[in-house]
Amino acid sequence: MTTPGDPNTSQPWGESRGGTPPGGAQPPYGGEHGGAYPGGPPTGGQPPYGGQPPYGGPPPGTPPGGTPPYGTPPYQGPYGERPPGGGGLGTAALVLGIISLFLLLICGLGVLTAIAGLIVGIVAVAKNSNRGRAIAGIVLSALTIVLAIIGFVWFLGNFSECFNLPTQVEVQQCVERKLGVNVENPSQ
């Protein structure tokens, strides 16, 4: 009597041990492409399971015949995911909002950076790039523009009559009176 799988009997599915079993099943472990023993080196030029080099081989990422690359590879997280970005647009909007307030109080040029901060902030919110910083940048830029408008209206309301005077000296004296400052003219 013969038992299935007996090596001394002929195989019913092929003439050799590496044939295909009935029903298209895979050959047994270590068959055509496997090693001579489980865990042994593969035959037929195929890489080992998982594509890992054998023990003592070069580390992954090493170019053929070369040295490994410098530094560590970037963090990839589980399943090759990358960590969320830093949100450069949102940060840029916040920085522009802060700078615009500072520049408005120092030299009046803060309106230009506030407009840029407002645009960058809106783009950052639309792209969902560091949304919290982008909203803070939008608020600071809008505040700068509102303060600039209030300051311009106040300046025109208080000093418009001074700019209709015929000479520079009279304009200067009018502005000094409005501000309550008395600066002596060195030419007199």
Protein backbone atom coordinates (compact mmCIF):
# COMPACT_ATOMS: atom_id res chain seq x y z
CA MET A 1 0.00 0.00 0.00
CA THR A 2 1.26 3.53 -0.78
CA THR A 3 0.64 6.67 1.18
CA PRO A 4 0.21 10.13 -0.32
CA GLY A 5 3.45 12.11 -0.32
CA ASP A 6 5.68 9.00 -0.07
CA PRO A 7 8.96 9.94 -1.81
CA ASN A 8 9.50 6.39 -3.03
CA THR A 9 6.35 6.33 -5.13
CA SER A 10 5.74 8.17 -8.36
CA GLN A 11 3.91 11.47 -8.17
CA PRO A 12 0.45 11.39 -9.73
CA TRP A 13 0.54 15.06 -10.85
CA GLY A 14 3.79 15.10 -12.79
CA GLU A 15 6.86 13.26 -13.72
CA SER A 16 9.20 15.19 -11.43
CA ARG A 17 8.98 16.41 -7.84
CA GLY A 18 8.67 20.01 -9.00
CA GLY A 19 5.55 19.50 -11.10
CA THR A 20 2.24 21.22 -10.54
CA PRO A 21 -0.22 19.40 -8.28
CA PRO A 22 -3.75 18.78 -9.50
CA GLY A 23 -6.05 21.78 -9.27
CA GLY A 24 -3.17 24.28 -9.79
CA ALA A 25 -1.95 24.21 -6.17
CA GLN A 26 1.55 25.44 -5.37
CA PRO A 27 4.43 22.99 -5.12
CA PRO A 28 5.56 22.14 -1.60
CA TYR A 29 7.96 24.45 0.30
CA GLY A 30 11.48 24.18 -1.04
CA GLY A 31 10.24 22.93 -4.42
CA GLU A 32 11.29 24.48 -7.71
CA HIS A 33 12.45 27.90 -6.49
CA GLY A 34 13.11 27.33 -2.80
CA GLY A 35 16.31 26.26 -1.16
CA ALA A 36 17.45 22.77 -0.39
CA TYR A 37 16.19 23.16 3.18
CA PRO A 38 13.73 25.58 4.86
CA GLY A 39 15.42 28.94 5.51
CA GLY A 40 18.32 28.04 3.25
CA PRO A 41 19.59 30.19 0.41
CA PRO A 42 17.22 30.33 -2.53
CA THR A 43 18.01 28.71 -5.81
CA GLY A 44 17.27 30.04 -9.25
CA GLY A 45 18.58 33.59 -8.59
CA GLN A 46 15.56 34.81 -6.65
CA PRO A 47 16.04 37.14 -3.65
CA PRO A 48 15.28 35.85 -0.17
CA TYR A 49 11.86 36.37 1.41
CA GLY A 50 11.07 40.06 1.99
CA GLY A 51 13.85 41.30 -0.28
CA GLN A 52 16.26 41.61 2.67
CA PRO A 53 19.92 40.95 2.03
CA PRO A 54 21.43 37.89 3.71
CA TYR A 55 23.09 38.28 7.08
CA GLY A 56 26.32 40.26 6.77
CA GLY A 57 25.28 41.92 3.50
CA PRO A 58 25.14 45.68 2.85
CA PRO A 59 22.33 47.64 4.56
CA PRO A 60 19.24 48.58 2.56
CA GLY A 61 19.65 51.73 0.51
CA THR A 62 23.29 51.08 -0.28
CA PRO A 63 24.07 51.58 -3.95
CA PRO A 64 25.59 48.54 -5.68
CA GLY A 65 29.31 48.44 -4.92
CA GLY A 66 29.14 51.77 -3.05
CA THR A 67 29.02 53.08 0.45
CA PRO A 68 25.76 53.77 2.29
CA PRO A 69 24.32 57.29 1.96
CA TYR A 70 25.06 59.84 4.65
CA GLY A 71 22.58 60.60 7.42
CA THR A 72 19.44 58.80 8.30
CA PRO A 73 16.54 58.47 5.89
CA PRO A 74 13.61 60.85 6.47
CA TYR A 75 10.89 59.72 8.85
CA GLN A 76 8.27 57.78 6.93
CA GLY A 77 5.95 56.65 9.70
CA PRO A 78 3.87 53.49 9.42
CA TYR A 79 3.12 52.32 5.89
CA GLY A 80 5.28 55.02 4.28
CA GLU A 81 3.20 57.96 5.50
CA ARG A 82 4.98 61.25 5.98
CA PRO A 83 4.32 63.45 9.01
CA PRO A 84 2.13 66.50 8.40
CA GLY A 85 3.97 69.50 7.06
CA GLY A 86 4.90 72.50 9.13
CA GLY A 87 2.46 74.73 7.28
CA GLY A 88 4.81 77.31 5.84
CA LEU A 89 2.01 79.47 4.46
CA GLY A 90 0.23 79.76 7.79
CA THR A 91 3.47 80.67 9.55
CA ALA A 92 4.29 83.21 6.83
CA ALA A 93 0.87 84.84 7.27
CA LEU A 94 1.42 85.11 11.03
CA VAL A 95 4.89 86.61 10.62
CA LEU A 96 3.63 89.12 8.05
CA GLY A 97 0.78 90.11 10.39
CA ILE A 98 3.17 90.75 13.29
CA ILE A 99 5.64 92.66 11.11
CA SER A 100 2.87 94.76 9.58
CA LEU A 101 1.71 96.00 13.00
CA PHE A 102 5.28 96.88 13.93
CA LEU A 103 5.99 98.65 10.64
CA LEU A 104 2.73 100.62 10.78
CA LEU A 105 3.67 102.08 14.15
CA ILE A 106 7.29 102.77 13.20
CA CYS A 107 7.18 104.14 9.65
CA GLY A 108 3.71 103.61 8.18
CA LEU A 109 4.79 100.92 5.68
CA GLY A 110 2.87 98.23 7.54
CA VAL A 111 -0.05 98.53 5.13
CA LEU A 112 2.00 96.89 2.36
CA THR A 113 3.00 93.91 4.48
CA ALA A 114 -0.55 93.70 5.88
CA ILE A 115 -1.95 93.31 2.37
CA ALA A 116 0.63 90.60 1.63
CA GLY A 117 -0.16 88.89 4.96
CA LEU A 118 -3.88 88.98 4.24
CA ILE A 119 -3.40 87.35 0.84
CA VAL A 120 -1.00 84.68 2.15
CA GLY A 121 -3.33 83.97 5.07
CA ILE A 122 -6.35 83.46 2.83
CA VAL A 123 -4.35 81.11 0.59
CA ALA A 124 -3.13 79.19 3.67
CA VAL A 125 -6.68 78.75 4.98
CA ALA A 126 -7.84 77.60 1.55
CA LYS A 127 -5.02 75.02 1.41
CA ASN A 128 -5.51 74.08 5.08
CA SER A 129 -1.85 74.81 5.76
CA ASN A 130 -1.44 75.42 9.50
CA ARG A 131 -4.89 76.92 9.78
CA GLY A 132 -4.55 78.40 13.29
CA ARG A 133 -1.49 80.46 12.44
CA ALA A 134 -3.05 81.51 9.15
CA ILE A 135 -6.17 82.81 10.91
CA ALA A 136 -4.05 84.69 13.46
CA GLY A 137 -2.08 86.24 10.59
CA ILE A 138 -5.31 87.26 8.84
CA VAL A 139 -6.61 88.89 12.04
CA LEU A 140 -3.35 90.80 12.63
CA SER A 141 -3.15 91.93 9.00
CA ALA A 142 -6.78 93.07 9.02
CA LEU A 143 -6.19 94.90 12.32
CA THR A 144 -3.20 96.67 10.77
CA ILE A 145 -5.27 97.79 7.78
CA VAL A 146 -8.09 99.03 10.03
CA LEU A 147 -5.63 100.96 12.22
CA ALA A 148 -4.03 102.49 9.11
CA ILE A 149 -7.43 103.64 7.82
CA ILE A 150 -8.34 105.13 11.22
CA GLY A 151 -4.97 106.90 11.41
CA PHE A 152 -5.30 108.29 7.89
CA VAL A 153 -8.82 109.59 8.54
CA TRP A 154 -7.68 111.19 11.82
CA PHE A 155 -4.69 112.79 10.10
CA LEU A 156 -6.84 114.25 7.28
CA GLY A 157 -9.48 115.49 9.74
CA ASN A 158 -6.94 117.32 11.92
CA PHE A 159 -4.40 118.57 9.39
CA SER A 160 -6.27 119.12 6.10
CA GLU A 161 -6.56 122.89 6.68
CA CYS A 162 -2.78 123.11 7.21
CA PHE A 163 -1.97 121.74 3.76
CA ASN A 164 -3.90 124.51 1.98
CA LEU A 165 -1.52 127.22 3.25
CA PRO A 166 0.78 128.87 0.67
CA THR A 167 4.26 128.41 2.20
CA GLN A 168 6.13 125.57 3.85
CA VAL A 169 6.81 127.65 6.94
CA GLU A 170 3.12 128.34 7.48
CA VAL A 171 2.29 124.63 6.98
CA GLN A 172 4.91 123.68 9.56
CA GLN A 173 3.63 126.21 12.08
CA CYS A 174 0.04 125.02 11.59
CA VAL A 175 1.03 121.39 12.18
CA GLU A 176 3.01 122.40 15.29
CA ARG A 177 0.00 124.26 16.68
CA LYS A 178 -2.29 121.25 16.05
CA LEU A 179 0.14 118.88 17.75
CA GLY A 180 0.90 121.30 20.59
CA VAL A 181 4.62 121.25 19.80
CA ASN A 182 6.75 124.35 19.40
CA VAL A 183 9.84 123.76 17.29
CA GLU A 184 11.95 126.82 16.62
CA ASN A 185 12.90 127.51 13.04
CA PRO A 186 16.73 127.76 12.76
CA SER A 187 16.57 130.08 9.69
CA GLN A 188 15.05 133.00 11.64
